Structure formats: C-alpha cells, structure tokens
Amino acid sequence: MAKEQIILGIDPGTTIMGYGLLKVCGNKTEMLAMGVLDLKKYSNHYLKLQRIFARTLSLIDEFHPDCLAIEAPFFGKNVQSMLKLGRAQGVAMAAALYRDIPITEYAPLKIKMAITGSGSASKEQVADMLRRILKIPLESMLPQMDATDGLAAAYCHFLQAGRPVSDTAYSGWKDFIAKNEDKVKKPRVVD
C-alpha cells in the first residue's frame, strides 16, 4: 500500500499569498484545497507578515502537511520589492519550521518547466495545465493565479520527489552511452 503524503505549496507575496494543498498516494494526486490570503487591506507591512505567518500556521494545523514547497523569490530590478517578498517567504517558512515541516524551495522557472514543459509559460498556462492534470472543475478555479501558483509549487515537489533514484551516476552523454551500450541503438551508416 502506497504511503499517503500531503504537500503544502505556497506562492509568497505581500499583496496576495497563494497556497495549494496536494494529497499524494503513490502516483495519484488530488487537490485538497487552494486559495489566497488577500493582504491588500493592510497598509502596515509588519501586520501583513503576521497574517502570512498565522495563515500558514492555520493551514499546517488544519491539513497536517508532510512538507512545504515554496516558490523562491526571483531576482528583479526593484530591491525594495525583493526585500518584501523575501520577508513574506521567510515568515511562511518560519511557520513551517515552527511545526517541524521540511521545506523545499523551487525557482519560478523550475515550477513552470515541471508543470508545462516551458520555463516561459504564463500563469494562465500553468493554471490550465494544473486544472487538466488534477481534474479540477472549471467552476472551482479561482480568478487569482496566485492560488494555482501555490498549487503548482506543491505539484512540482510531487514530480521532483517521484523521480526514480538511480544507482548509476553519469558525467554526460558519452558516459551514459558507454555504460548502456546494450540499450543504445547504433547509427546505421549508409553509403
């Protein structure tokens, strides 16, 4: 019997924090919840951070996730925005650490690649792909893409964790071919 696992995914933000919870049993995945924490009504940055911490803690206490997958801040030109985003990510991580939940960070590019196969995919493409993969009814999709971004972090973690571990390490294609000559099709030379 496959072990059940719950993954909490978070897309941190100081305006909107997106989250998604994924239940995994073997290779089967099911969305448990997704949503957003809307922080626009708070003008005090420290109050926003407190709300992020409290909401993350409440999600952990309600769903008892085995791990947290969180989107890492990307490097932008606005240093102040980066600092605020880093703080938002930090307090969400602190809530997970407070409950002894292991954390994995994923770059936005890696999440998009894992879900759509393209690192330049739009938020809409990621959301649509998740809706199809997880069979989420259209009416259950939220208008804020931050929710599906949080769910995408959780699904990316599922995909990364599900990769088979190989006993053989390869230093490149030539090394792979050398160690798998019996499996590699030889090119046919035509004169």
N, C-alpha and C. Protein backbone atom coordinates (compact mmCIF):
# COMPACT_ATOMS: atom_id res chain seq x y z
N MET A 1 0.85 -1.19 0.00
CA MET A 1 0.00 0.00 0.00
C MET A 1 0.89 1.25 0.00
N ALA A 2 0.59 2.19 -0.87
CA ALA A 2 1.38 3.41 -1.00
C ALA A 2 1.14 4.34 0.18
N LYS A 3 2.20 4.99 0.63
CA LYS A 3 2.12 5.92 1.74
C LYS A 3 1.46 7.21 1.26
N GLU A 4 0.54 7.70 2.05
CA GLU A 4 -0.12 8.96 1.73
C GLU A 4 0.74 10.12 2.21
N GLN A 5 0.78 11.18 1.41
CA GLN A 5 1.56 12.36 1.74
C GLN A 5 0.75 13.59 1.37
N ILE A 6 0.88 14.63 2.17
CA ILE A 6 0.23 15.90 1.87
C ILE A 6 1.32 16.95 1.70
N ILE A 7 1.23 17.69 0.59
CA ILE A 7 2.21 18.73 0.27
C ILE A 7 1.50 20.08 0.28
N LEU A 8 2.05 21.01 1.04
CA LEU A 8 1.57 22.39 1.05
C LEU A 8 2.47 23.19 0.13
N GLY A 9 1.87 23.85 -0.85
CA GLY A 9 2.62 24.71 -1.76
C GLY A 9 2.24 26.16 -1.50
N ILE A 10 3.24 27.03 -1.48
CA ILE A 10 2.97 28.45 -1.22
C ILE A 10 3.68 29.31 -2.26
N ASP A 11 2.92 30.28 -2.77
CA ASP A 11 3.46 31.35 -3.61
C ASP A 11 3.44 32.60 -2.74
N PRO A 12 4.58 32.95 -2.14
CA PRO A 12 4.58 34.06 -1.18
C PRO A 12 4.37 35.41 -1.85
N GLY A 13 3.79 36.32 -1.11
CA GLY A 13 3.60 37.67 -1.59
C GLY A 13 3.12 38.56 -0.47
N THR A 14 3.35 39.85 -0.58
CA THR A 14 2.88 40.77 0.45
C THR A 14 1.58 41.46 0.05
N THR A 15 1.13 41.22 -1.15
CA THR A 15 -0.18 41.70 -1.58
C THR A 15 -1.17 40.54 -1.56
N ILE A 16 -0.77 39.43 -2.18
CA ILE A 16 -1.55 38.19 -2.17
C ILE A 16 -0.61 37.02 -2.00
N MET A 17 -0.92 36.15 -1.05
CA MET A 17 -0.18 34.90 -0.89
C MET A 17 -1.08 33.79 -1.42
N GLY A 18 -0.56 33.00 -2.35
CA GLY A 18 -1.32 31.88 -2.88
C GLY A 18 -0.88 30.59 -2.22
N TYR A 19 -1.82 29.67 -2.05
CA TYR A 19 -1.48 28.37 -1.47
C TYR A 19 -2.30 27.27 -2.12
N GLY A 20 -1.75 26.07 -2.09
CA GLY A 20 -2.44 24.90 -2.59
C GLY A 20 -1.99 23.68 -1.81
N LEU A 21 -2.91 22.77 -1.58
CA LEU A 21 -2.58 21.54 -0.86
C LEU A 21 -2.89 20.35 -1.75
N LEU A 22 -1.93 19.47 -1.81
CA LEU A 22 -2.00 18.31 -2.69
C LEU A 22 -1.88 17.04 -1.86
N LYS A 23 -2.81 16.13 -2.06
CA LYS A 23 -2.74 14.82 -1.41
C LYS A 23 -2.16 13.84 -2.42
N VAL A 24 -1.12 13.12 -1.99
CA VAL A 24 -0.43 12.18 -2.88
C VAL A 24 -0.53 10.79 -2.26
N CYS A 25 -0.94 9.84 -3.08
CA CYS A 25 -0.95 8.44 -2.65
C CYS A 25 -0.36 7.63 -3.81
N GLY A 26 0.91 7.23 -3.66
CA GLY A 26 1.60 6.57 -4.76
C GLY A 26 1.80 7.56 -5.88
N ASN A 27 1.27 7.24 -7.06
CA ASN A 27 1.36 8.16 -8.21
C ASN A 27 0.08 8.95 -8.42
N LYS A 28 -0.89 8.80 -7.53
CA LYS A 28 -2.17 9.51 -7.65
C LYS A 28 -2.13 10.80 -6.85
N THR A 29 -2.59 11.87 -7.47
CA THR A 29 -2.63 13.17 -6.81
C THR A 29 -4.04 13.70 -6.80
N GLU A 30 -4.33 14.45 -5.75
CA GLU A 30 -5.66 15.05 -5.62
C GLU A 30 -5.49 16.40 -4.92
N MET A 31 -6.15 17.41 -5.45
CA MET A 31 -6.11 18.71 -4.82
C MET A 31 -7.02 18.68 -3.59
N LEU A 32 -6.48 19.06 -2.44
CA LEU A 32 -7.30 19.15 -1.23
C LEU A 32 -7.90 20.54 -1.09
N ALA A 33 -7.09 21.55 -1.38
CA ALA A 33 -7.56 22.93 -1.24
C ALA A 33 -6.61 23.85 -1.98
N MET A 34 -7.12 25.00 -2.36
CA MET A 34 -6.28 26.08 -2.86
C MET A 34 -6.99 27.38 -2.54
N GLY A 35 -6.20 28.42 -2.38
CA GLY A 35 -6.81 29.69 -2.05
C GLY A 35 -5.77 30.78 -1.99
N VAL A 36 -6.23 31.94 -1.55
CA VAL A 36 -5.34 33.09 -1.43
C VAL A 36 -5.58 33.77 -0.09
N LEU A 37 -4.53 34.41 0.38
CA LEU A 37 -4.63 35.31 1.52
C LEU A 37 -4.46 36.70 0.94
N ASP A 38 -5.55 37.48 0.95
CA ASP A 38 -5.53 38.82 0.39
C ASP A 38 -5.07 39.80 1.46
N LEU A 39 -3.94 40.44 1.19
CA LEU A 39 -3.32 41.34 2.17
C LEU A 39 -3.42 42.81 1.76
N LYS A 40 -4.20 43.09 0.71
CA LYS A 40 -4.28 44.46 0.20
C LYS A 40 -4.86 45.45 1.20
N LYS A 41 -5.73 44.96 2.08
CA LYS A 41 -6.39 45.88 3.02
C LYS A 41 -5.48 46.34 4.16
N TYR A 42 -4.32 45.71 4.30
CA TYR A 42 -3.39 46.08 5.37
C TYR A 42 -2.31 46.99 4.83
N SER A 43 -2.15 48.14 5.45
CA SER A 43 -1.10 49.06 5.00
C SER A 43 0.21 48.83 5.75
N ASN A 44 0.13 48.26 6.94
CA ASN A 44 1.32 48.01 7.76
C ASN A 44 2.00 46.72 7.29
N HIS A 45 3.25 46.83 6.83
CA HIS A 45 3.99 45.68 6.30
C HIS A 45 4.17 44.59 7.35
N TYR A 46 4.40 44.98 8.60
CA TYR A 46 4.62 44.01 9.66
C TYR A 46 3.34 43.25 10.00
N LEU A 47 2.21 43.91 9.87
CA LEU A 47 0.92 43.24 10.08
C LEU A 47 0.69 42.21 8.97
N LYS A 48 1.09 42.55 7.74
CA LYS A 48 0.99 41.60 6.63
C LYS A 48 1.81 40.35 6.92
N LEU A 49 3.02 40.55 7.43
CA LEU A 49 3.88 39.41 7.75
C LEU A 49 3.26 38.55 8.85
N GLN A 50 2.64 39.20 9.83
CA GLN A 50 1.98 38.45 10.90
C GLN A 50 0.83 37.63 10.34
N ARG A 51 0.07 38.19 9.41
CA ARG A 51 -1.07 37.48 8.79
C ARG A 51 -0.57 36.29 7.96
N ILE A 52 0.55 36.46 7.25
CA ILE A 52 1.13 35.35 6.47
C ILE A 52 1.54 34.21 7.40
N PHE A 53 2.20 34.56 8.51
CA PHE A 53 2.62 33.55 9.48
C PHE A 53 1.40 32.82 10.04
N ALA A 54 0.39 33.58 10.47
CA ALA A 54 -0.80 32.99 11.08
C ALA A 54 -1.56 32.10 10.09
N ARG A 55 -1.70 32.54 8.85
CA ARG A 55 -2.45 31.75 7.85
C ARG A 55 -1.69 30.47 7.51
N THR A 56 -0.38 30.57 7.36
CA THR A 56 0.42 29.39 7.06
C THR A 56 0.31 28.39 8.20
N LEU A 57 0.39 28.88 9.42
CA LEU A 57 0.26 28.01 10.59
C LEU A 57 -1.12 27.35 10.64
N SER A 58 -2.17 28.11 10.31
CA SER A 58 -3.52 27.53 10.34
C SER A 58 -3.69 26.46 9.26
N LEU A 59 -3.07 26.65 8.10
CA LEU A 59 -3.12 25.62 7.04
C LEU A 59 -2.40 24.36 7.49
N ILE A 60 -1.27 24.54 8.16
CA ILE A 60 -0.50 23.40 8.66
C ILE A 60 -1.30 22.65 9.72
N ASP A 61 -1.92 23.39 10.64
CA ASP A 61 -2.69 22.76 11.71
C ASP A 61 -3.97 22.08 11.19
N GLU A 62 -4.55 22.61 10.12
CA GLU A 62 -5.76 22.01 9.55
C GLU A 62 -5.47 20.78 8.70
N PHE A 63 -4.45 20.85 7.84
CA PHE A 63 -4.21 19.78 6.87
C PHE A 63 -3.04 18.84 7.23
N HIS A 64 -2.20 19.22 8.17
CA HIS A 64 -1.06 18.40 8.61
C HIS A 64 -0.18 17.96 7.43
N PRO A 65 0.35 18.92 6.67
CA PRO A 65 1.21 18.54 5.53
C PRO A 65 2.51 17.89 6.00
N ASP A 66 3.05 17.04 5.13
CA ASP A 66 4.33 16.39 5.40
C ASP A 66 5.50 17.28 5.01
N CYS A 67 5.25 18.24 4.10
CA CYS A 67 6.32 19.12 3.65
C CYS A 67 5.73 20.40 3.05
N LEU A 68 6.60 21.40 2.92
CA LEU A 68 6.24 22.67 2.32
C LEU A 68 7.10 22.88 1.08
N ALA A 69 6.45 23.15 -0.04
CA ALA A 69 7.14 23.53 -1.27
C ALA A 69 6.82 25.01 -1.48
N ILE A 70 7.85 25.82 -1.56
CA ILE A 70 7.64 27.27 -1.65
C ILE A 70 8.40 27.85 -2.83
N GLU A 71 7.74 28.79 -3.49
CA GLU A 71 8.40 29.44 -4.62
C GLU A 71 9.44 30.41 -4.10
N ALA A 72 10.66 30.31 -4.63
CA ALA A 72 11.75 31.19 -4.23
C ALA A 72 11.58 32.53 -4.92
N PRO A 73 11.97 33.61 -4.25
CA PRO A 73 11.88 34.92 -4.90
C PRO A 73 12.81 34.97 -6.12
N PHE A 74 12.34 35.61 -7.17
CA PHE A 74 13.19 35.78 -8.35
C PHE A 74 13.86 37.13 -8.25
N PHE A 75 15.01 37.24 -8.91
CA PHE A 75 15.77 38.48 -8.85
C PHE A 75 15.18 39.49 -9.81
N GLY A 76 14.73 40.59 -9.24
CA GLY A 76 14.17 41.66 -10.05
C GLY A 76 15.00 42.92 -9.91
N LYS A 77 14.55 43.97 -10.54
CA LYS A 77 15.30 45.22 -10.51
C LYS A 77 14.97 46.04 -9.27
N ASN A 78 13.77 45.85 -8.71
CA ASN A 78 13.35 46.64 -7.56
C ASN A 78 13.79 45.94 -6.27
N VAL A 79 14.79 46.50 -5.62
CA VAL A 79 15.37 45.91 -4.41
C VAL A 79 14.35 45.89 -3.27
N GLN A 80 13.56 46.95 -3.13
CA GLN A 80 12.56 47.00 -2.06
C GLN A 80 11.51 45.90 -2.21
N SER A 81 11.07 45.65 -3.45
CA SER A 81 10.11 44.57 -3.70
C SER A 81 10.71 43.22 -3.36
N MET A 82 11.97 43.02 -3.73
CA MET A 82 12.67 41.77 -3.42
C MET A 82 12.76 41.56 -1.91
N LEU A 83 13.08 42.62 -1.19
CA LEU A 83 13.20 42.53 0.26
C LEU A 83 11.86 42.14 0.88
N LYS A 84 10.78 42.80 0.45
CA LYS A 84 9.45 42.49 0.99
C LYS A 84 9.03 41.07 0.66
N LEU A 85 9.30 40.62 -0.57
CA LEU A 85 8.97 39.26 -0.97
C LEU A 85 9.78 38.24 -0.17
N GLY A 86 11.05 38.53 0.05
CA GLY A 86 11.89 37.65 0.85
C GLY A 86 11.39 37.53 2.28
N ARG A 87 10.91 38.64 2.84
CA ARG A 87 10.34 38.60 4.19
C ARG A 87 9.07 37.75 4.21
N ALA A 88 8.22 37.92 3.20
CA ALA A 88 6.99 37.12 3.13
C ALA A 88 7.32 35.64 3.04
N GLN A 89 8.29 35.29 2.22
CA GLN A 89 8.71 33.91 2.10
C GLN A 89 9.27 33.42 3.44
N GLY A 90 10.06 34.27 4.09
CA GLY A 90 10.69 33.92 5.36
C GLY A 90 9.69 33.60 6.46
N VAL A 91 8.64 34.40 6.57
CA VAL A 91 7.67 34.13 7.65
C VAL A 91 6.84 32.88 7.36
N ALA A 92 6.55 32.61 6.08
CA ALA A 92 5.86 31.36 5.74
C ALA A 92 6.75 30.17 6.08
N MET A 93 8.04 30.30 5.78
CA MET A 93 9.00 29.24 6.11
C MET A 93 9.12 29.09 7.63
N ALA A 94 9.10 30.20 8.36
CA ALA A 94 9.20 30.16 9.82
C ALA A 94 8.02 29.40 10.42
N ALA A 95 6.83 29.59 9.85
CA ALA A 95 5.65 28.86 10.33
C ALA A 95 5.83 27.36 10.14
N ALA A 96 6.36 26.97 8.98
CA ALA A 96 6.61 25.55 8.72
C ALA A 96 7.68 25.02 9.68
N LEU A 97 8.74 25.78 9.88
CA LEU A 97 9.80 25.36 10.79
C LEU A 97 9.28 25.25 12.22
N TYR A 98 8.37 26.13 12.59
CA TYR A 98 7.76 26.12 13.93
C TYR A 98 7.02 24.79 14.19
N ARG A 99 6.50 24.19 13.11
CA ARG A 99 5.79 22.91 13.22
C ARG A 99 6.64 21.74 12.72
N ASP A 100 7.94 21.96 12.57
CA ASP A 100 8.88 20.91 12.13
C ASP A 100 8.53 20.31 10.77
N ILE A 101 8.09 21.16 9.85
CA ILE A 101 7.74 20.74 8.49
C ILE A 101 8.96 21.00 7.60
N PRO A 102 9.47 19.98 6.88
CA PRO A 102 10.59 20.22 5.97
C PRO A 102 10.18 21.13 4.81
N ILE A 103 11.13 21.92 4.35
CA ILE A 103 10.88 22.93 3.31
C ILE A 103 11.77 22.69 2.10
N THR A 104 11.17 22.84 0.91
CA THR A 104 11.95 22.83 -0.33
C THR A 104 11.56 24.06 -1.13
N GLU A 105 12.58 24.79 -1.60
CA GLU A 105 12.34 25.97 -2.44
C GLU A 105 12.49 25.59 -3.90
N TYR A 106 11.66 26.19 -4.74
CA TYR A 106 11.74 25.99 -6.18
C TYR A 106 11.72 27.34 -6.87
N ALA A 107 12.61 27.51 -7.83
CA ALA A 107 12.63 28.73 -8.64
C ALA A 107 11.38 28.75 -9.51
N PRO A 108 10.83 29.94 -9.78
CA PRO A 108 9.63 30.03 -10.63
C PRO A 108 9.83 29.32 -11.98
N LEU A 109 11.01 29.44 -12.56
CA LEU A 109 11.31 28.78 -13.83
C LEU A 109 11.18 27.27 -13.72
N LYS A 110 11.69 26.70 -12.63
CA LYS A 110 11.63 25.25 -12.42
C LYS A 110 10.19 24.79 -12.27
N ILE A 111 9.38 25.55 -11.55
CA ILE A 111 7.96 25.20 -11.36
C ILE A 111 7.25 25.20 -12.71
N LYS A 112 7.45 26.25 -13.49
CA LYS A 112 6.80 26.35 -14.80
C LYS A 112 7.24 25.20 -15.72
N MET A 113 8.53 24.89 -15.68
CA MET A 113 9.06 23.78 -16.50
C MET A 113 8.42 22.46 -16.10
N ALA A 114 8.30 22.23 -14.79
CA ALA A 114 7.74 20.98 -14.29
C ALA A 114 6.27 20.81 -14.69
N ILE A 115 5.52 21.89 -14.67
CA ILE A 115 4.08 21.81 -14.95
C ILE A 115 3.78 21.82 -16.44
N THR A 116 4.44 22.72 -17.19
CA THR A 116 4.08 22.91 -18.60
C THR A 116 5.13 22.44 -19.59
N GLY A 117 6.36 22.25 -19.11
CA GLY A 117 7.45 21.90 -20.02
C GLY A 117 8.14 23.12 -20.59
N SER A 118 7.68 24.32 -20.18
CA SER A 118 8.27 25.55 -20.67
C SER A 118 8.50 26.51 -19.52
N GLY A 119 9.72 26.99 -19.37
CA GLY A 119 10.03 27.94 -18.32
C GLY A 119 9.47 29.32 -18.56
N SER A 120 9.01 29.57 -19.78
CA SER A 120 8.43 30.88 -20.10
C SER A 120 6.90 30.85 -20.15
N ALA A 121 6.31 29.79 -19.60
CA ALA A 121 4.85 29.67 -19.61
C ALA A 121 4.21 30.79 -18.79
N SER A 122 3.03 31.19 -19.20
CA SER A 122 2.29 32.23 -18.47
C SER A 122 1.58 31.60 -17.27
N LYS A 123 1.14 32.46 -16.35
CA LYS A 123 0.39 31.98 -15.19
C LYS A 123 -0.89 31.26 -15.65
N GLU A 124 -1.49 31.77 -16.71
CA GLU A 124 -2.72 31.15 -17.24
C GLU A 124 -2.45 29.75 -17.78
N GLN A 125 -1.31 29.58 -18.45
CA GLN A 125 -0.95 28.25 -18.98
C GLN A 125 -0.68 27.27 -17.84
N VAL A 126 -0.02 27.73 -16.79
CA VAL A 126 0.24 26.88 -15.63
C VAL A 126 -1.08 26.47 -14.98
N ALA A 127 -1.97 27.45 -14.79
CA ALA A 127 -3.27 27.18 -14.16
C ALA A 127 -4.08 26.18 -15.00
N ASP A 128 -4.12 26.36 -16.31
CA ASP A 128 -4.88 25.47 -17.17
C ASP A 128 -4.31 24.05 -17.16
N MET A 129 -2.99 23.94 -17.18
CA MET A 129 -2.36 22.63 -17.15
C MET A 129 -2.67 21.91 -15.84
N LEU A 130 -2.59 22.63 -14.72
CA LEU A 130 -2.92 22.04 -13.42
C LEU A 130 -4.37 21.60 -13.37
N ARG A 131 -5.26 22.43 -13.93
CA ARG A 131 -6.69 22.10 -13.95
C ARG A 131 -6.91 20.78 -14.68
N ARG A 132 -6.21 20.60 -15.78
CA ARG A 132 -6.35 19.36 -16.57
C ARG A 132 -5.72 18.17 -15.86
N ILE A 133 -4.50 18.33 -15.34
CA ILE A 133 -3.79 17.24 -14.69
C ILE A 133 -4.54 16.75 -13.46
N LEU A 134 -4.99 17.71 -12.64
CA LEU A 134 -5.64 17.36 -11.37
C LEU A 134 -7.16 17.22 -11.49
N LYS A 135 -7.66 17.39 -12.72
CA LYS A 135 -9.10 17.26 -13.00
C LYS A 135 -9.94 18.17 -12.08
N ILE A 136 -9.52 19.42 -12.02
CA ILE A 136 -10.23 20.41 -11.20
C ILE A 136 -11.36 20.99 -12.05
N PRO A 137 -12.60 20.95 -11.56
CA PRO A 137 -13.71 21.53 -12.33
C PRO A 137 -13.47 23.02 -12.58
N LEU A 138 -13.83 23.47 -13.75
CA LEU A 138 -13.62 24.87 -14.15
C LEU A 138 -14.19 25.84 -13.13
N GLU A 139 -15.37 25.52 -12.58
CA GLU A 139 -16.01 26.41 -11.62
C GLU A 139 -15.27 26.47 -10.27
N SER A 140 -14.36 25.54 -10.03
CA SER A 140 -13.57 25.54 -8.79
C SER A 140 -12.28 26.35 -8.92
N MET A 141 -11.98 26.79 -10.14
CA MET A 141 -10.77 27.59 -10.36
C MET A 141 -10.99 29.01 -9.84
N LEU A 142 -9.98 29.55 -9.18
CA LEU A 142 -10.07 30.90 -8.63
C LEU A 142 -9.57 31.91 -9.65
N PRO A 143 -10.09 33.14 -9.61
CA PRO A 143 -9.61 34.15 -10.56
C PRO A 143 -8.17 34.59 -10.27
N GLN A 144 -7.72 34.48 -9.02
CA GLN A 144 -6.36 34.87 -8.69
C GLN A 144 -5.42 33.72 -9.03
N MET A 145 -4.45 34.01 -9.89
CA MET A 145 -3.49 32.98 -10.32
C MET A 145 -2.49 32.63 -9.22
N ASP A 146 -2.47 33.42 -8.15
CA ASP A 146 -1.56 33.13 -7.04
C ASP A 146 -1.92 31.79 -6.39
N ALA A 147 -3.22 31.46 -6.38
CA ALA A 147 -3.67 30.18 -5.80
C ALA A 147 -3.11 29.01 -6.61
N THR A 148 -3.21 29.08 -7.93
CA THR A 148 -2.68 27.99 -8.75
C THR A 148 -1.15 28.00 -8.74
N ASP A 149 -0.53 29.16 -8.51
CA ASP A 149 0.93 29.20 -8.37
C ASP A 149 1.36 28.44 -7.12
N GLY A 150 0.61 28.57 -6.05
CA GLY A 150 0.90 27.81 -4.83
C GLY A 150 0.71 26.32 -5.06
N LEU A 151 -0.38 25.96 -5.74
CA LEU A 151 -0.64 24.56 -6.06
C LEU A 151 0.44 24.02 -7.00
N ALA A 152 0.92 24.86 -7.91
CA ALA A 152 1.98 24.45 -8.85
C ALA A 152 3.28 24.12 -8.10
N ALA A 153 3.58 24.88 -7.04
CA ALA A 153 4.77 24.58 -6.24
C ALA A 153 4.64 23.20 -5.60
N ALA A 154 3.43 22.89 -5.10
CA ALA A 154 3.18 21.57 -4.49
C ALA A 154 3.30 20.47 -5.53
N TYR A 155 2.73 20.69 -6.73
CA TYR A 155 2.78 19.65 -7.77
C TYR A 155 4.21 19.47 -8.29
N CYS A 156 4.95 20.55 -8.39
CA CYS A 156 6.36 20.47 -8.80
C CYS A 156 7.12 19.61 -7.80
N HIS A 157 6.85 19.79 -6.52
CA HIS A 157 7.53 18.99 -5.49
C HIS A 157 7.17 17.51 -5.64
N PHE A 158 5.90 17.24 -5.92
CA PHE A 158 5.48 15.85 -6.15
C PHE A 158 6.27 15.24 -7.32
N LEU A 159 6.39 15.99 -8.40
CA LEU A 159 7.11 15.49 -9.57
C LEU A 159 8.59 15.28 -9.27
N GLN A 160 9.19 16.18 -8.53
CA GLN A 160 10.61 16.07 -8.19
C GLN A 160 10.85 14.90 -7.24
N ALA A 161 9.96 14.72 -6.29
CA ALA A 161 10.10 13.65 -5.30
C ALA A 161 9.86 12.28 -5.92
N GLY A 162 9.11 12.24 -7.01
CA GLY A 162 8.77 10.97 -7.64
C GLY A 162 9.79 10.46 -8.62
N ARG A 163 10.87 11.19 -8.80
CA ARG A 163 11.90 10.74 -9.74
C ARG A 163 12.61 9.52 -9.19
N PRO A 164 12.74 8.50 -10.00
CA PRO A 164 13.46 7.32 -9.51
C PRO A 164 14.93 7.63 -9.25
N VAL A 165 15.42 7.08 -8.16
CA VAL A 165 16.82 7.27 -7.82
C VAL A 165 17.63 6.19 -8.52
N SER A 166 18.66 6.60 -9.22
CA SER A 166 19.49 5.66 -9.95
C SER A 166 20.76 5.36 -9.16
N ASP A 167 21.19 4.11 -9.23
CA ASP A 167 22.45 3.73 -8.58
C ASP A 167 23.63 4.18 -9.42
N THR A 168 23.36 4.49 -10.68
CA THR A 168 24.44 4.85 -11.59
C THR A 168 24.42 6.35 -11.84
N ALA A 169 25.56 6.96 -11.68
CA ALA A 169 25.69 8.38 -11.98
C ALA A 169 26.39 8.52 -13.32
N TYR A 170 26.00 9.52 -14.08
CA TYR A 170 26.60 9.75 -15.39
C TYR A 170 27.20 11.14 -15.41
N SER A 171 28.36 11.25 -16.03
CA SER A 171 29.01 12.55 -16.12
C SER A 171 28.63 13.29 -17.40
N GLY A 172 27.92 12.65 -18.28
CA GLY A 172 27.48 13.26 -19.53
C GLY A 172 26.95 12.20 -20.47
N TRP A 173 26.58 12.63 -21.70
CA TRP A 173 26.01 11.70 -22.67
C TRP A 173 26.99 10.59 -23.05
N LYS A 174 28.24 10.93 -23.25
CA LYS A 174 29.23 9.91 -23.62
C LYS A 174 29.34 8.85 -22.54
N ASP A 175 29.32 9.28 -21.29
CA ASP A 175 29.40 8.35 -20.17
C ASP A 175 28.14 7.47 -20.12
N PHE A 176 26.97 8.09 -20.36
CA PHE A 176 25.72 7.32 -20.39
C PHE A 176 25.78 6.23 -21.46
N ILE A 177 26.22 6.60 -22.66
CA ILE A 177 26.30 5.64 -23.77
C ILE A 177 27.29 4.53 -23.44
N ALA A 178 28.43 4.90 -22.86
CA ALA A 178 29.44 3.89 -22.52
C ALA A 178 28.91 2.89 -21.50
N LYS A 179 28.09 3.35 -20.57
CA LYS A 179 27.57 2.46 -19.53
C LYS A 179 26.30 1.73 -19.94
N ASN A 180 25.74 2.09 -21.11
CA ASN A 180 24.49 1.47 -21.57
C ASN A 180 24.57 1.05 -23.03
N GLU A 181 25.71 0.56 -23.47
CA GLU A 181 25.89 0.20 -24.88
C GLU A 181 24.84 -0.77 -25.37
N ASP A 182 24.40 -1.68 -24.52
CA ASP A 182 23.41 -2.67 -24.92
C ASP A 182 22.03 -2.05 -25.16
N LYS A 183 21.78 -0.85 -24.61
CA LYS A 183 20.47 -0.20 -24.74
C LYS A 183 20.45 0.90 -25.79
N VAL A 184 21.62 1.28 -26.26
CA VAL A 184 21.73 2.39 -27.20
C VAL A 184 21.75 1.84 -28.62
N LYS A 185 20.85 2.41 -29.43
CA LYS A 185 20.77 1.99 -30.83
C LYS A 185 21.94 2.60 -31.60
N LYS A 186 22.66 1.75 -32.29
CA LYS A 186 23.81 2.21 -33.07
C LYS A 186 23.32 2.87 -34.37
N PRO A 187 23.92 3.96 -34.76
CA PRO A 187 23.53 4.61 -36.01
C PRO A 187 23.91 3.71 -37.20
N ARG A 188 23.04 3.71 -38.15
CA ARG A 188 23.29 2.92 -39.36
C ARG A 188 24.02 3.78 -40.36
N VAL A 189 25.09 3.31 -40.87
CA VAL A 189 25.88 4.06 -41.85
C VAL A 189 25.41 3.62 -43.25
N VAL A 190 25.04 4.59 -44.06
CA VAL A 190 24.58 4.34 -45.42
C VAL A 190 25.59 4.97 -46.38
N ASP A 191 26.06 4.18 -47.34
CA ASP A 191 27.00 4.70 -48.33
C ASP A 191 26.29 5.25 -49.54
